Amino acid sequence: MADDEFPPDLLGAQRTYWAADARVQEVTDALPSAQEVLEGAMTDEQREELAQVREARLQALEALNRHPWWKDAGDRYAAQKALRQAAGA
């Protein structure tokens, strides 16, 4: 599938999801180790920020997966793979 076969807002939704996922990774990379978290080293602010970025990622994923274009996509796996390729181009 070519880039022009996808609606611009669907391409944008894929990119938004990737950005949200990258933000979650940034936040988790800055957290204390798992052992330190168990020992109480994670602050309330860190917990709140992690919850917020995870929620943003979930909302981005829902927007991507609920896009009306998917209802006529046929082979969804192939379409998702093509979308990821087109959105990354």
PDB file of N, CA and C in Angstrom:
ATOM      1  N   MET A   1       0.837  -1.176   0.000  1.00  0.00           N
ATOM      2  CA  MET A   1       0.000   0.000   0.000  1.00  0.00           C
ATOM      3  C   MET A   1       0.877   1.232   0.000  1.00  0.00           C
ATOM      4  N   ALA A   2       0.481   2.179  -0.737  1.00  0.00           N
ATOM      5  CA  ALA A   2       1.236   3.423  -0.837  1.00  0.00           C
ATOM      6  C   ALA A   2       0.763   4.412   0.223  1.00  0.00           C
ATOM      7  N   ASP A   3       1.612   5.372   0.508  1.00  0.00           N
ATOM      8  CA  ASP A   3       1.318   6.407   1.492  1.00  0.00           C
ATOM      9  C   ASP A   3      -0.004   7.092   1.185  1.00  0.00           C
ATOM     10  N   ASP A   4      -0.297   7.316  -0.106  1.00  0.00           N
ATOM     11  CA  ASP A   4      -1.507   8.051  -0.468  1.00  0.00           C
ATOM     12  C   ASP A   4      -2.767   7.205  -0.349  1.00  0.00           C
ATOM     13  N   GLU A   5      -2.634   5.922   0.002  1.00  0.00           N
ATOM     14  CA  GLU A   5      -3.795   5.081   0.218  1.00  0.00           C
ATOM     15  C   GLU A   5      -4.350   5.244   1.631  1.00  0.00           C
ATOM     16  N   PHE A   6      -3.621   5.897   2.491  1.00  0.00           N
ATOM     17  CA  PHE A   6      -4.061   6.107   3.862  1.00  0.00           C
ATOM     18  C   PHE A   6      -4.508   7.549   4.041  1.00  0.00           C
ATOM     19  N   PRO A   7      -5.604   7.752   4.768  1.00  0.00           N
ATOM     20  CA  PRO A   7      -6.021   9.125   5.048  1.00  0.00           C
ATOM     21  C   PRO A   7      -4.958   9.837   5.894  1.00  0.00           C
ATOM     22  N   PRO A   8      -4.771  11.120   5.663  1.00  0.00           N
ATOM     23  CA  PRO A   8      -3.756  11.862   6.427  1.00  0.00           C
ATOM     24  C   PRO A   8      -3.953  11.771   7.938  1.00  0.00           C
ATOM     25  N   ASP A   9      -5.209  11.757   8.388  1.00  0.00           N
ATOM     26  CA  ASP A   9      -5.425  11.698   9.833  1.00  0.00           C
ATOM     27  C   ASP A   9      -5.066  10.327  10.411  1.00  0.00           C
ATOM     28  N   LEU A  10      -5.149   9.272   9.602  1.00  0.00           N
ATOM     29  CA  LEU A  10      -4.719   7.952  10.067  1.00  0.00           C
ATOM     30  C   LEU A  10      -3.192   7.893  10.154  1.00  0.00           C
ATOM     31  N   LEU A  11      -2.524   8.459   9.178  1.00  0.00           N
ATOM     32  CA  LEU A  11      -1.058   8.552   9.250  1.00  0.00           C
ATOM     33  C   LEU A  11      -0.648   9.366  10.480  1.00  0.00           C
ATOM     34  N   GLY A  12      -1.370  10.449  10.715  1.00  0.00           N
ATOM     35  CA  GLY A  12      -1.096  11.272  11.898  1.00  0.00           C
ATOM     36  C   GLY A  12      -1.350  10.525  13.188  1.00  0.00           C
ATOM     37  N   ALA A  13      -2.396   9.707  13.209  1.00  0.00           N
ATOM     38  CA  ALA A  13      -2.702   8.925  14.407  1.00  0.00           C
ATOM     39  C   ALA A  13      -1.582   7.932  14.702  1.00  0.00           C
ATOM     40  N   GLN A  14      -1.023   7.335  13.659  1.00  0.00           N
ATOM     41  CA  GLN A  14       0.095   6.403  13.865  1.00  0.00           C
ATOM     42  C   GLN A  14       1.295   7.146  14.435  1.00  0.00           C
ATOM     43  N   ARG A  15       1.579   8.302  13.884  1.00  0.00           N
ATOM     44  CA  ARG A  15       2.730   9.088  14.366  1.00  0.00           C
ATOM     45  C   ARG A  15       2.498   9.585  15.793  1.00  0.00           C
ATOM     46  N   THR A  16       1.259   9.953  16.094  1.00  0.00           N
ATOM     47  CA  THR A  16       0.925  10.390  17.447  1.00  0.00           C
ATOM     48  C   THR A  16       1.129   9.257  18.441  1.00  0.00           C
ATOM     49  N   TYR A  17       0.719   8.049  18.061  1.00  0.00           N
ATOM     50  CA  TYR A  17       0.926   6.897  18.931  1.00  0.00           C
ATOM     51  C   TYR A  17       2.422   6.677  19.164  1.00  0.00           C
ATOM     52  N   TRP A  18       3.207   6.721  18.092  1.00  0.00           N
ATOM     53  CA  TRP A  18       4.655   6.529  18.257  1.00  0.00           C
ATOM     54  C   TRP A  18       5.250   7.569  19.187  1.00  0.00           C
ATOM     55  N   ALA A  19       4.813   8.819  19.055  1.00  0.00           N
ATOM     56  CA  ALA A  19       5.336   9.885  19.919  1.00  0.00           C
ATOM     57  C   ALA A  19       4.939   9.637  21.372  1.00  0.00           C
ATOM     58  N   ALA A  20       3.701   9.218  21.592  1.00  0.00           N
ATOM     59  CA  ALA A  20       3.239   8.929  22.953  1.00  0.00           C
ATOM     60  C   ALA A  20       4.001   7.741  23.533  1.00  0.00           C
ATOM     61  N   ASP A  21       4.246   6.731  22.717  1.00  0.00           N
ATOM     62  CA  ASP A  21       4.991   5.564  23.175  1.00  0.00           C
ATOM     63  C   ASP A  21       6.434   5.948  23.520  1.00  0.00           C
ATOM     64  N   ALA A  22       7.022   6.802  22.707  1.00  0.00           N
ATOM     65  CA  ALA A  22       8.390   7.269  22.982  1.00  0.00           C
ATOM     66  C   ALA A  22       8.432   8.070  24.282  1.00  0.00           C
ATOM     67  N   ARG A  23       7.385   8.848  24.538  1.00  0.00           N
ATOM     68  CA  ARG A  23       7.339   9.633  25.770  1.00  0.00           C
ATOM     69  C   ARG A  23       7.249   8.704  26.993  1.00  0.00           C
ATOM     70  N   VAL A  24       6.460   7.646  26.892  1.00  0.00           N
ATOM     71  CA  VAL A  24       6.399   6.671  27.988  1.00  0.00           C
ATOM     72  C   VAL A  24       7.788   6.077  28.227  1.00  0.00           C
ATOM     73  N   GLN A  25       8.485   5.769  27.157  1.00  0.00           N
ATOM     74  CA  GLN A  25       9.828   5.198  27.304  1.00  0.00           C
ATOM     75  C   GLN A  25      10.768   6.185  27.985  1.00  0.00           C
ATOM     76  N   GLU A  26      10.674   7.464  27.616  1.00  0.00           N
ATOM     77  CA  GLU A  26      11.512   8.485  28.250  1.00  0.00           C
ATOM     78  C   GLU A  26      11.247   8.549  29.752  1.00  0.00           C
ATOM     79  N   VAL A  27       9.980   8.546  30.109  1.00  0.00           N
ATOM     80  CA  VAL A  27       9.621   8.644  31.528  1.00  0.00           C
ATOM     81  C   VAL A  27      10.087   7.403  32.281  1.00  0.00           C
ATOM     82  N   THR A  28       9.861   6.227  31.721  1.00  0.00           N
ATOM     83  CA  THR A  28      10.273   5.013  32.428  1.00  0.00           C
ATOM     84  C   THR A  28      11.792   4.903  32.518  1.00  0.00           C
ATOM     85  N   ASP A  29      12.494   5.393  31.509  1.00  0.00           N
ATOM     86  CA  ASP A  29      13.962   5.364  31.570  1.00  0.00           C
ATOM     87  C   ASP A  29      14.499   6.233  32.703  1.00  0.00           C
ATOM     88  N   ALA A  30      13.751   7.270  33.066  1.00  0.00           N
ATOM     89  CA  ALA A  30      14.198   8.186  34.121  1.00  0.00           C
ATOM     90  C   ALA A  30      13.807   7.715  35.518  1.00  0.00           C
ATOM     91  N   LEU A  31      13.044   6.641  35.603  1.00  0.00           N
ATOM     92  CA  LEU A  31      12.609   6.148  36.911  1.00  0.00           C
ATOM     93  C   LEU A  31      13.727   5.374  37.597  1.00  0.00           C
ATOM     94  N   PRO A  32      13.609   5.242  38.905  1.00  0.00           N
ATOM     95  CA  PRO A  32      14.559   4.401  39.631  1.00  0.00           C
ATOM     96  C   PRO A  32      14.419   2.951  39.165  1.00  0.00           C
ATOM     97  N   SER A  33      15.376   2.134  39.506  1.00  0.00           N
ATOM     98  CA  SER A  33      15.321   0.715  39.155  1.00  0.00           C
ATOM     99  C   SER A  33      14.115   0.058  39.834  1.00  0.00           C
ATOM    100  N   ALA A  34      13.754  -1.118  39.352  1.00  0.00           N
ATOM    101  CA  ALA A  34      12.632  -1.846  39.942  1.00  0.00           C
ATOM    102  C   ALA A  34      12.872  -2.105  41.428  1.00  0.00           C
ATOM    103  N   GLN A  35      14.088  -2.472  41.774  1.00  0.00           N
ATOM    104  CA  GLN A  35      14.410  -2.720  43.188  1.00  0.00           C
ATOM    105  C   GLN A  35      14.236  -1.443  44.012  1.00  0.00           C
ATOM    106  N   GLU A  36      14.699  -0.321  43.464  1.00  0.00           N
ATOM    107  CA  GLU A  36      14.565   0.949  44.178  1.00  0.00           C
ATOM    108  C   GLU A  36      13.097   1.353  44.324  1.00  0.00           C
ATOM    109  N   VAL A  37      12.294   1.052  43.304  1.00  0.00           N
ATOM    110  CA  VAL A  37      10.860   1.347  43.392  1.00  0.00           C
ATOM    111  C   VAL A  37      10.245   0.530  44.525  1.00  0.00           C
ATOM    112  N   LEU A  38      10.611  -0.742  44.606  1.00  0.00           N
ATOM    113  CA  LEU A  38      10.110  -1.585  45.689  1.00  0.00           C
ATOM    114  C   LEU A  38      10.523  -1.067  47.059  1.00  0.00           C
ATOM    115  N   GLU A  39      11.666  -0.420  47.096  1.00  0.00           N
ATOM    116  CA  GLU A  39      12.169   0.135  48.355  1.00  0.00           C
ATOM    117  C   GLU A  39      11.602   1.522  48.645  1.00  0.00           C
ATOM    118  N   GLY A  40      10.719   2.016  47.762  1.00  0.00           N
ATOM    119  CA  GLY A  40      10.052   3.287  48.003  1.00  0.00           C
ATOM    120  C   GLY A  40      10.714   4.500  47.402  1.00  0.00           C
ATOM    121  N   ALA A  41      11.605   4.313  46.442  1.00  0.00           N
ATOM    122  CA  ALA A  41      12.346   5.443  45.881  1.00  0.00           C
ATOM    123  C   ALA A  41      11.562   6.232  44.840  1.00  0.00           C
ATOM    124  N   MET A  42      10.424   5.734  44.399  1.00  0.00           N
ATOM    125  CA  MET A  42       9.642   6.437  43.376  1.00  0.00           C
ATOM    126  C   MET A  42       8.755   7.483  44.051  1.00  0.00           C
ATOM    127  N   THR A  43       8.810   8.712  43.556  1.00  0.00           N
ATOM    128  CA  THR A  43       8.042   9.799  44.162  1.00  0.00           C
ATOM    129  C   THR A  43       6.609   9.813  43.625  1.00  0.00           C
ATOM    130  N   ASP A  44       5.763  10.521  44.334  1.00  0.00           N
ATOM    131  CA  ASP A  44       4.377  10.685  43.879  1.00  0.00           C
ATOM    132  C   ASP A  44       4.334  11.414  42.537  1.00  0.00           C
ATOM    133  N   GLU A  45       5.241  12.366  42.344  1.00  0.00           N
ATOM    134  CA  GLU A  45       5.298  13.096  41.082  1.00  0.00           C
ATOM    135  C   GLU A  45       5.662  12.167  39.927  1.00  0.00           C
ATOM    136  N   GLN A  46       6.592  11.253  40.174  1.00  0.00           N
ATOM    137  CA  GLN A  46       6.972  10.285  39.138  1.00  0.00           C
ATOM    138  C   GLN A  46       5.805   9.352  38.818  1.00  0.00           C
ATOM    139  N   ARG A  47       5.093   8.923  39.841  1.00  0.00           N
ATOM    140  CA  ARG A  47       3.934   8.053  39.625  1.00  0.00           C
ATOM    141  C   ARG A  47       2.874   8.779  38.795  1.00  0.00           C
ATOM    142  N   GLU A  48       2.632  10.025  39.136  1.00  0.00           N
ATOM    143  CA  GLU A  48       1.625  10.822  38.426  1.00  0.00           C
ATOM    144  C   GLU A  48       2.034  11.044  36.968  1.00  0.00           C
ATOM    145  N   GLU A  49       3.287  11.388  36.752  1.00  0.00           N
ATOM    146  CA  GLU A  49       3.744  11.593  35.380  1.00  0.00           C
ATOM    147  C   GLU A  49       3.643  10.307  34.568  1.00  0.00           C
ATOM    148  N   LEU A  50       4.032   9.194  35.161  1.00  0.00           N
ATOM    149  CA  LEU A  50       3.938   7.915  34.465  1.00  0.00           C
ATOM    150  C   LEU A  50       2.490   7.587  34.135  1.00  0.00           C
ATOM    151  N   ALA A  51       1.596   7.808  35.064  1.00  0.00           N
ATOM    152  CA  ALA A  51       0.176   7.555  34.808  1.00  0.00           C
ATOM    153  C   ALA A  51      -0.334   8.438  33.665  1.00  0.00           C
ATOM    154  N   GLN A  52       0.081   9.695  33.654  1.00  0.00           N
ATOM    155  CA  GLN A  52      -0.372  10.622  32.609  1.00  0.00           C
ATOM    156  C   GLN A  52       0.134  10.218  31.226  1.00  0.00           C
ATOM    157  N   VAL A  53       1.397   9.870  31.121  1.00  0.00           N
ATOM    158  CA  VAL A  53       1.924   9.519  29.799  1.00  0.00           C
ATOM    159  C   VAL A  53       1.383   8.176  29.330  1.00  0.00           C
ATOM    160  N   ARG A  54       1.140   7.265  30.262  1.00  0.00           N
ATOM    161  CA  ARG A  54       0.527   5.985  29.881  1.00  0.00           C
ATOM    162  C   ARG A  54      -0.908   6.206  29.392  1.00  0.00           C
ATOM    163  N   GLU A  55      -1.635   7.089  30.049  1.00  0.00           N
ATOM    164  CA  GLU A  55      -2.997   7.410  29.616  1.00  0.00           C
ATOM    165  C   GLU A  55      -2.987   8.057  28.235  1.00  0.00           C
ATOM    166  N   ALA A  56      -2.050   8.952  28.000  1.00  0.00           N
ATOM    167  CA  ALA A  56      -1.946   9.587  26.674  1.00  0.00           C
ATOM    168  C   ALA A  56      -1.634   8.549  25.602  1.00  0.00           C
ATOM    169  N   ARG A  57      -0.766   7.597  25.924  1.00  0.00           N
ATOM    170  CA  ARG A  57      -0.448   6.537  24.961  1.00  0.00           C
ATOM    171  C   ARG A  57      -1.675   5.670  24.685  1.00  0.00           C
ATOM    172  N   LEU A  58      -2.424   5.338  25.713  1.00  0.00           N
ATOM    173  CA  LEU A  58      -3.629   4.541  25.528  1.00  0.00           C
ATOM    174  C   LEU A  58      -4.651   5.279  24.663  1.00  0.00           C
ATOM    175  N   GLN A  59      -4.827   6.556  24.911  1.00  0.00           N
ATOM    176  CA  GLN A  59      -5.757   7.339  24.103  1.00  0.00           C
ATOM    177  C   GLN A  59      -5.309   7.403  22.646  1.00  0.00           C
ATOM    178  N   ALA A  60      -4.010   7.548  22.432  1.00  0.00           N
ATOM    179  CA  ALA A  60      -3.483   7.577  21.058  1.00  0.00           C
ATOM    180  C   ALA A  60      -3.709   6.236  20.370  1.00  0.00           C
ATOM    181  N   LEU A  61      -3.507   5.153  21.090  1.00  0.00           N
ATOM    182  CA  LEU A  61      -3.720   3.821  20.522  1.00  0.00           C
ATOM    183  C   LEU A  61      -5.191   3.601  20.195  1.00  0.00           C
ATOM    184  N   GLU A  62      -6.071   4.033  21.081  1.00  0.00           N
ATOM    185  CA  GLU A  62      -7.501   3.896  20.819  1.00  0.00           C
ATOM    186  C   GLU A  62      -7.918   4.711  19.604  1.00  0.00           C
ATOM    187  N   ALA A  63      -7.395   5.916  19.479  1.00  0.00           N
ATOM    188  CA  ALA A  63      -7.716   6.747  18.310  1.00  0.00           C
ATOM    189  C   ALA A  63      -7.237   6.078  17.027  1.00  0.00           C
ATOM    190  N   LEU A  64      -6.061   5.485  17.078  1.00  0.00           N
ATOM    191  CA  LEU A  64      -5.518   4.791  15.923  1.00  0.00           C
ATOM    192  C   LEU A  64      -6.376   3.575  15.571  1.00  0.00           C
ATOM    193  N   ASN A  65      -6.678   2.750  16.545  1.00  0.00           N
ATOM    194  CA  ASN A  65      -7.409   1.509  16.293  1.00  0.00           C
ATOM    195  C   ASN A  65      -8.888   1.707  15.985  1.00  0.00           C
ATOM    196  N   ARG A  66      -9.446   2.819  16.407  1.00  0.00           N
ATOM    197  CA  ARG A  66     -10.867   3.069  16.166  1.00  0.00           C
ATOM    198  C   ARG A  66     -11.127   3.941  14.938  1.00  0.00           C
ATOM    199  N   HIS A  67     -10.092   4.224  14.195  1.00  0.00           N
ATOM    200  CA  HIS A  67     -10.269   5.041  12.995  1.00  0.00           C
ATOM    201  C   HIS A  67     -11.215   4.320  12.033  1.00  0.00           C
ATOM    202  N   PRO A  68     -12.166   5.037  11.442  1.00  0.00           N
ATOM    203  CA  PRO A  68     -13.150   4.399  10.565  1.00  0.00           C
ATOM    204  C   PRO A  68     -12.544   3.725   9.328  1.00  0.00           C
ATOM    205  N   TRP A  69     -11.354   4.117   8.936  1.00  0.00           N
ATOM    206  CA  TRP A  69     -10.728   3.519   7.749  1.00  0.00           C
ATOM    207  C   TRP A  69     -10.578   2.015   7.899  1.00  0.00           C
ATOM    208  N   TRP A  70     -10.366   1.531   9.134  1.00  0.00           N
ATOM    209  CA  TRP A  70     -10.090   0.108   9.360  1.00  0.00           C
ATOM    210  C   TRP A  70     -11.261  -0.794   8.982  1.00  0.00           C
ATOM    211  N   LYS A  71     -12.486  -0.291   9.026  1.00  0.00           N
ATOM    212  CA  LYS A  71     -13.634  -1.178   8.770  1.00  0.00           C
ATOM    213  C   LYS A  71     -13.623  -1.744   7.362  1.00  0.00           C
ATOM    214  N   ASP A  72     -12.968  -1.070   6.417  1.00  0.00           N
ATOM    215  CA  ASP A  72     -12.886  -1.548   5.034  1.00  0.00           C
ATOM    216  C   ASP A  72     -11.469  -1.951   4.648  1.00  0.00           C
ATOM    217  N   ALA A  73     -10.623  -2.184   5.628  1.00  0.00           N
ATOM    218  CA  ALA A  73      -9.203  -2.420   5.356  1.00  0.00           C
ATOM    219  C   ALA A  73      -8.904  -3.804   4.799  1.00  0.00           C
ATOM    220  N   GLY A  74      -9.800  -4.748   4.955  1.00  0.00           N
ATOM    221  CA  GLY A  74      -9.513  -6.107   4.488  1.00  0.00           C
ATOM    222  C   GLY A  74      -8.549  -6.806   5.433  1.00  0.00           C
ATOM    223  N   ASP A  75      -7.376  -7.146   4.940  1.00  0.00           N
ATOM    224  CA  ASP A  75      -6.353  -7.810   5.755  1.00  0.00           C
ATOM    225  C   ASP A  75      -5.743  -6.777   6.700  1.00  0.00           C
ATOM    226  N   ARG A  76      -6.252  -6.747   7.909  1.00  0.00           N
ATOM    227  CA  ARG A  76      -5.826  -5.708   8.854  1.00  0.00           C
ATOM    228  C   ARG A  76      -4.348  -5.803   9.197  1.00  0.00           C
ATOM    229  N   TYR A  77      -3.837  -7.000   9.327  1.00  0.00           N
ATOM    230  CA  TYR A  77      -2.418  -7.151   9.641  1.00  0.00           C
ATOM    231  C   TYR A  77      -1.557  -6.516   8.553  1.00  0.00           C
ATOM    232  N   ALA A  78      -1.849  -6.842   7.307  1.00  0.00           N
ATOM    233  CA  ALA A  78      -1.083  -6.273   6.188  1.00  0.00           C
ATOM    234  C   ALA A  78      -1.263  -4.764   6.130  1.00  0.00           C
ATOM    235  N   ALA A  79      -2.480  -4.304   6.407  1.00  0.00           N
ATOM    236  CA  ALA A  79      -2.745  -2.865   6.383  1.00  0.00           C
ATOM    237  C   ALA A  79      -1.984  -2.143   7.494  1.00  0.00           C
ATOM    238  N   GLN A  80      -1.936  -2.744   8.680  1.00  0.00           N
ATOM    239  CA  GLN A  80      -1.199  -2.127   9.787  1.00  0.00           C
ATOM    240  C   GLN A  80       0.289  -2.052   9.469  1.00  0.00           C
ATOM    241  N   LYS A  81       0.795  -3.111   8.888  1.00  0.00           N
ATOM    242  CA  LYS A  81       2.208  -3.128   8.526  1.00  0.00           C
ATOM    243  C   LYS A  81       2.501  -2.043   7.477  1.00  0.00           C
ATOM    244  N   ALA A  82       1.627  -1.923   6.497  1.00  0.00           N
ATOM    245  CA  ALA A  82       1.807  -0.910   5.454  1.00  0.00           C
ATOM    246  C   ALA A  82       1.670   0.497   6.038  1.00  0.00           C
ATOM    247  N   LEU A  83       0.727   0.660   6.972  1.00  0.00           N
ATOM    248  CA  LEU A  83       0.555   1.969   7.616  1.00  0.00           C
ATOM    249  C   LEU A  83       1.804   2.363   8.375  1.00  0.00           C
ATOM    250  N   ARG A  84       2.348   1.438   9.138  1.00  0.00           N
ATOM    251  CA  ARG A  84       3.567   1.746   9.893  1.00  0.00           C
ATOM    252  C   ARG A  84       4.709   2.138   8.947  1.00  0.00           C
ATOM    253  N   GLN A  85       4.795   1.445   7.831  1.00  0.00           N
ATOM    254  CA  GLN A  85       5.835   1.771   6.857  1.00  0.00           C
ATOM    255  C   GLN A  85       5.578   3.145   6.243  1.00  0.00           C
ATOM    256  N   ALA A  86       4.330   3.410   5.869  1.00  0.00           N
ATOM    257  CA  ALA A  86       4.001   4.697   5.250  1.00  0.00           C
ATOM    258  C   ALA A  86       4.182   5.851   6.225  1.00  0.00           C
ATOM    259  N   ALA A  87       3.788   5.659   7.481  1.00  0.00           N
ATOM    260  CA  ALA A  87       3.889   6.712   8.478  1.00  0.00           C
ATOM    261  C   ALA A  87       5.336   6.985   8.861  1.00  0.00           C
ATOM    262  N   GLY A  88       6.180   5.980   8.706  1.00  0.00           N
ATOM    263  CA  GLY A  88       7.592   6.151   9.043  1.00  0.00           C
ATOM    264  C   GLY A  88       8.408   6.743   7.922  1.00  0.00           C
ATOM    265  N   ALA A  89       7.828   6.808   6.743  1.00  0.00           N
ATOM    266  CA  ALA A  89       8.556   7.300   5.569  1.00  0.00           C
ATOM    267  C   ALA A  89       8.762   8.807   5.624  1.00  0.00           C
TER     268      ALA A  89
END
